[in-house]
Amino acid sequence: MGGHRNIERMQVRTRAAALFAALSVVVAACGGSADSAHDESARQAPAPPRKAAPAAAQRPRIVLLGDSLTAGLGLPSELAYPSVLQRRLKEAGLDYEIVNAGVSGDTSAGGLSRLDWALQGDVRILVVALGGNDGLRGVPPEALKKNLATIVERAQAKHIRVILAGMEAPPNFGRDYIVSFHKVYPALAQEYHVPLVPFLLQNVAGIDTLNQPDGIHPTAEGARIVADNVWAVLKPLAEQQKPGS
């Protein structure tokens, strides 16, 4: 058992180190320095959904609740991964409206604070893609878990299906923090019986050619890979919840 735990910790540290290589150029995840991102998140009201339609014309919605990785910082909106997912849904004959509820600099606490706004309309699926900023700011994993759990509980109370997208912490807070942070996502997925995207930035983090010059936000090609990561979990759930079925 001890050997197995050591191997698990080494694997988590390796993944976290790869993510940190991407994050080291920009101190704060997903939108500026840690302090400035926090201030920005605190003082900015969330922008309206990019693709919100008049109430009478609304289709069933899939909401992506996240930070600047979801907002598509540095990319035209049509190249951000939520827009890629919208095209995938159309190609698959799944008539949903993607709502990009990404806000730069946001944390799990910020996402929770704007959840009611994000869940307006006929929301069928919620993708929760938060935690990168929590990791860089050293937010205790227990607080991250509590915020994410509350988001999941409140969505499920509205009979909304939830997908949880995992993130990793940088190594500068030590091994115990990295491992505890990593365990939050699979633990919540198991507790609340929700599908898990193990790592939102899988096959993108730490790869120079797939990230913008800031070293953290994906290029258009990187965003397509992020969309692949989410689509693998979203597609079967969207098919189960298919409008009109």
Protein backbone atom coordinates (compact mmCIF):
# COMPACT_ATOMS: atom_id res chain seq x y z
CA MET A 1 0.00 0.00 0.00
CA GLY A 2 2.80 2.45 0.87
CA GLY A 3 4.44 1.86 -2.49
CA HIS A 4 1.14 2.38 -4.31
CA ARG A 5 0.51 5.68 -2.50
CA ASN A 6 4.01 6.88 -3.32
CA ILE A 7 3.47 6.10 -7.01
CA GLU A 8 0.12 7.91 -6.94
CA ARG A 9 1.72 10.94 -5.34
CA MET A 10 4.52 10.95 -7.88
CA GLN A 11 1.99 10.82 -10.73
CA VAL A 12 0.00 13.71 -9.29
CA ARG A 13 3.18 15.75 -8.73
CA THR A 14 4.29 15.10 -12.28
CA ARG A 15 0.98 16.33 -13.68
CA ALA A 16 1.00 19.34 -11.36
CA ALA A 17 4.57 20.18 -12.34
CA ALA A 18 3.60 20.14 -16.01
CA LEU A 19 0.73 22.49 -15.28
CA PHE A 20 2.97 24.75 -13.22
CA ALA A 21 5.37 25.02 -16.14
CA ALA A 22 2.53 26.58 -18.08
CA LEU A 23 1.42 28.75 -15.17
CA SER A 24 4.81 30.03 -14.10
CA VAL A 25 4.88 32.75 -16.75
CA VAL A 26 1.62 34.18 -15.42
CA VAL A 27 1.37 34.18 -11.64
CA ALA A 28 -2.39 34.23 -11.44
CA ALA A 29 -4.43 31.63 -13.21
CA CYS A 30 -6.66 32.76 -15.98
CA GLY A 31 -6.32 36.50 -16.02
CA GLY A 32 -3.46 38.51 -14.52
CA SER A 33 -1.69 38.48 -11.14
CA ALA A 34 -3.33 36.78 -8.20
CA ASP A 35 -4.20 40.06 -6.49
CA SER A 36 -5.34 41.86 -9.64
CA ALA A 37 -7.38 38.88 -10.78
CA HIS A 38 -9.04 38.73 -7.34
CA ASP A 39 -9.81 42.45 -7.45
CA GLU A 40 -11.15 42.19 -11.00
CA SER A 41 -13.39 39.27 -10.08
CA ALA A 42 -14.63 41.08 -6.98
CA ARG A 43 -15.57 44.33 -8.69
CA GLN A 44 -16.84 43.18 -12.06
CA ALA A 45 -20.42 42.05 -12.45
CA PRO A 46 -20.64 39.00 -14.68
CA ALA A 47 -21.25 39.83 -18.31
CA PRO A 48 -24.44 38.51 -19.88
CA PRO A 49 -24.18 35.16 -21.66
CA ARG A 50 -22.56 35.57 -25.06
CA LYS A 51 -25.29 33.65 -26.83
CA ALA A 52 -28.34 34.39 -24.73
CA ALA A 53 -31.52 34.40 -26.81
CA PRO A 54 -34.89 35.99 -26.14
CA ALA A 55 -36.88 33.89 -23.70
CA ALA A 56 -39.44 32.82 -26.29
CA ALA A 57 -36.74 31.50 -28.62
CA GLN A 58 -34.48 29.81 -26.06
CA ARG A 59 -33.33 26.27 -26.64
CA PRO A 60 -32.40 23.93 -23.80
CA ARG A 61 -29.07 25.09 -22.42
CA ILE A 62 -25.71 23.68 -21.49
CA VAL A 63 -23.90 26.12 -19.20
CA LEU A 64 -20.10 26.13 -18.85
CA LEU A 65 -19.24 27.75 -15.51
CA GLY A 66 -15.55 28.61 -15.45
CA ASP A 67 -12.73 31.15 -15.52
CA SER A 68 -10.76 32.67 -18.41
CA LEU A 69 -9.95 29.23 -19.81
CA THR A 70 -13.68 28.92 -20.45
CA ALA A 71 -14.13 32.57 -21.38
CA GLY A 72 -11.50 32.07 -24.08
CA LEU A 73 -9.13 34.85 -23.07
CA GLY A 74 -6.93 35.87 -25.99
CA LEU A 75 -9.08 34.16 -28.62
CA PRO A 76 -11.98 35.27 -30.79
CA SER A 77 -15.13 34.00 -29.14
CA GLU A 78 -15.80 31.57 -31.98
CA LEU A 79 -12.49 29.79 -31.30
CA ALA A 80 -12.93 29.34 -27.54
CA TYR A 81 -13.67 25.79 -26.50
CA PRO A 82 -17.35 26.46 -25.61
CA SER A 83 -17.92 27.60 -29.21
CA VAL A 84 -16.16 24.49 -30.47
CA LEU A 85 -18.56 22.43 -28.35
CA GLN A 86 -21.52 24.33 -29.81
CA ARG A 87 -20.43 23.27 -33.30
CA ARG A 88 -19.94 19.68 -32.13
CA LEU A 89 -23.47 19.61 -30.77
CA LYS A 90 -24.87 20.90 -34.03
CA GLU A 91 -22.94 18.32 -36.03
CA ALA A 92 -24.29 15.60 -33.73
CA GLY A 93 -27.87 16.79 -34.19
CA LEU A 94 -28.16 17.86 -30.55
CA ASP A 95 -30.17 21.08 -30.36
CA TYR A 96 -28.71 22.75 -27.28
CA GLU A 97 -27.55 26.30 -26.71
CA ILE A 98 -24.10 26.58 -25.14
CA VAL A 99 -23.87 29.41 -22.59
CA ASN A 100 -20.30 30.52 -21.96
CA ALA A 101 -20.36 31.52 -18.27
CA GLY A 102 -16.59 31.95 -18.01
CA VAL A 103 -15.26 34.97 -16.10
CA SER A 104 -11.55 35.81 -16.06
CA GLY A 105 -9.90 35.56 -12.66
CA ASP A 106 -12.79 33.65 -11.13
CA THR A 107 -12.45 31.14 -8.29
CA SER A 108 -14.79 28.46 -7.03
CA ALA A 109 -16.20 31.02 -4.59
CA GLY A 110 -16.80 33.46 -7.43
CA GLY A 111 -18.52 30.81 -9.48
CA LEU A 112 -20.77 29.96 -6.58
CA SER A 113 -21.67 33.63 -6.06
CA ARG A 114 -22.98 33.95 -9.63
CA LEU A 115 -24.56 30.53 -9.93
CA ASP A 116 -28.16 31.78 -9.88
CA TRP A 117 -27.41 34.05 -12.84
CA ALA A 118 -25.68 31.22 -14.70
CA LEU A 119 -28.61 28.85 -14.25
CA GLN A 120 -31.26 31.13 -15.72
CA GLY A 121 -33.36 29.63 -18.47
CA ASP A 122 -33.91 26.01 -19.43
CA VAL A 123 -30.57 24.64 -18.27
CA ARG A 124 -30.24 20.88 -18.74
CA ILE A 125 -26.49 20.38 -18.14
CA LEU A 126 -23.95 22.35 -16.09
CA VAL A 127 -20.21 21.91 -16.72
CA VAL A 128 -18.23 23.14 -13.70
CA ALA A 129 -14.71 24.11 -14.78
CA LEU A 130 -13.32 25.98 -11.77
CA GLY A 131 -10.32 25.66 -9.47
CA GLY A 132 -7.28 26.92 -11.36
CA ASN A 133 -7.26 30.24 -9.54
CA ASP A 134 -7.96 28.52 -6.22
CA GLY A 135 -4.81 26.44 -6.72
CA LEU A 136 -2.59 29.40 -7.50
CA ARG A 137 -3.86 31.36 -4.53
CA GLY A 138 -3.42 28.46 -2.15
CA VAL A 139 -7.11 28.22 -1.29
CA PRO A 140 -7.46 25.29 1.13
CA PRO A 141 -8.69 22.17 -0.68
CA GLU A 142 -11.44 21.88 1.92
CA ALA A 143 -12.78 25.29 0.89
CA LEU A 144 -12.54 24.40 -2.79
CA LYS A 145 -14.42 21.18 -2.14
CA LYS A 146 -17.13 22.94 -0.16
CA ASN A 147 -17.70 25.55 -2.89
CA LEU A 148 -17.82 22.98 -5.67
CA ALA A 149 -20.08 20.71 -3.63
CA THR A 150 -22.52 23.57 -3.07
CA ILE A 151 -22.57 24.33 -6.79
CA VAL A 152 -23.30 20.69 -7.58
CA GLU A 153 -25.98 20.40 -4.90
CA ARG A 154 -27.79 23.55 -6.02
CA ALA A 155 -27.75 22.46 -9.66
CA GLN A 156 -28.98 18.98 -8.83
CA ALA A 157 -31.77 20.47 -6.73
CA LYS A 158 -32.99 22.05 -9.99
CA HIS A 159 -32.73 18.65 -11.73
CA ILE A 160 -29.77 19.85 -13.79
CA ARG A 161 -27.18 17.25 -14.74
CA VAL A 162 -23.64 18.21 -13.74
CA ILE A 163 -20.22 17.49 -15.23
CA LEU A 164 -17.16 18.29 -13.13
CA ALA A 165 -13.91 19.26 -14.86
CA GLY A 166 -10.77 18.68 -12.81
CA MET A 167 -7.83 21.03 -12.36
CA GLU A 168 -4.40 20.61 -10.76
CA ALA A 169 -2.49 22.76 -8.28
CA PRO A 170 1.02 24.10 -8.92
CA PRO A 171 3.79 22.56 -6.80
CA ASN A 172 4.79 25.68 -4.91
CA PHE A 173 2.52 24.85 -1.95
CA GLY A 174 4.08 21.46 -1.42
CA ARG A 175 3.27 17.81 -2.02
CA ASP A 176 0.49 17.48 0.54
CA TYR A 177 -1.39 20.44 -0.95
CA ILE A 178 -1.00 19.09 -4.50
CA VAL A 179 -2.33 15.67 -3.57
CA SER A 180 -5.20 17.04 -1.47
CA PHE A 181 -6.19 19.44 -4.25
CA HIS A 182 -6.09 16.67 -6.86
CA LYS A 183 -8.33 14.40 -4.77
CA VAL A 184 -11.12 16.99 -4.49
CA TYR A 185 -12.48 16.34 -7.98
CA PRO A 186 -12.74 12.53 -8.06
CA ALA A 187 -14.07 12.55 -4.50
CA LEU A 188 -16.87 14.94 -5.43
CA ALA A 189 -17.64 13.04 -8.63
CA GLN A 190 -18.04 9.85 -6.61
CA GLU A 191 -20.03 11.46 -3.80
CA TYR A 192 -22.51 13.19 -6.09
CA HIS A 193 -22.50 10.60 -8.89
CA VAL A 194 -21.49 13.11 -11.57
CA PRO A 195 -19.30 12.49 -14.63
CA LEU A 196 -15.71 13.73 -14.35
CA VAL A 197 -13.34 15.25 -16.89
CA PRO A 198 -10.15 14.23 -15.05
CA PHE A 199 -8.10 17.26 -16.13
CA LEU A 200 -9.51 20.10 -18.25
CA LEU A 201 -6.09 20.92 -19.74
CA GLN A 202 -5.01 17.36 -20.44
CA ASN A 203 -2.61 17.25 -23.43
CA VAL A 204 -2.47 21.07 -23.48
CA ALA A 205 -0.85 22.28 -20.23
CA GLY A 206 2.89 22.75 -20.51
CA ILE A 207 2.99 22.37 -24.32
CA ASP A 208 4.33 25.62 -25.78
CA THR A 209 2.80 25.19 -29.22
CA LEU A 210 -0.67 24.76 -27.77
CA ASN A 211 -0.57 27.82 -25.55
CA GLN A 212 -0.50 31.55 -26.17
CA PRO A 213 2.64 33.56 -25.34
CA ASP A 214 1.45 33.96 -21.73
CA GLY A 215 2.06 30.23 -21.29
CA ILE A 216 -1.32 29.45 -19.80
CA HIS A 217 -4.23 30.20 -22.14
CA PRO A 218 -4.66 27.76 -25.01
CA THR A 219 -4.28 28.69 -28.64
CA ALA A 220 -7.08 27.87 -31.05
CA GLU A 221 -5.57 24.41 -31.52
CA GLY A 222 -5.23 24.00 -27.76
CA ALA A 223 -8.85 25.04 -27.29
CA ARG A 224 -9.91 22.30 -29.71
CA ILE A 225 -8.11 19.76 -27.54
CA VAL A 226 -9.77 21.14 -24.41
CA ALA A 227 -13.09 20.77 -26.24
CA ASP A 228 -12.14 17.14 -27.00
CA ASN A 229 -11.56 16.53 -23.29
CA VAL A 230 -14.99 17.90 -22.39
CA TRP A 231 -16.80 16.42 -25.40
CA ALA A 232 -15.78 12.89 -24.44
CA VAL A 233 -17.87 13.27 -21.29
CA LEU A 234 -20.49 15.74 -22.49
CA LYS A 235 -21.64 13.92 -25.62
CA PRO A 236 -23.09 10.81 -23.95
CA LEU A 237 -24.82 12.90 -21.32
CA ALA A 238 -26.22 15.30 -23.94
CA GLU A 239 -27.54 12.34 -25.90
CA GLN A 240 -29.30 11.03 -22.78
CA GLN A 241 -30.86 14.44 -22.20
CA LYS A 242 -31.55 15.05 -25.91
CA PRO A 243 -34.22 17.74 -26.38
CA GLY A 244 -37.50 16.30 -27.54
CA SER A 245 -36.59 12.74 -26.59
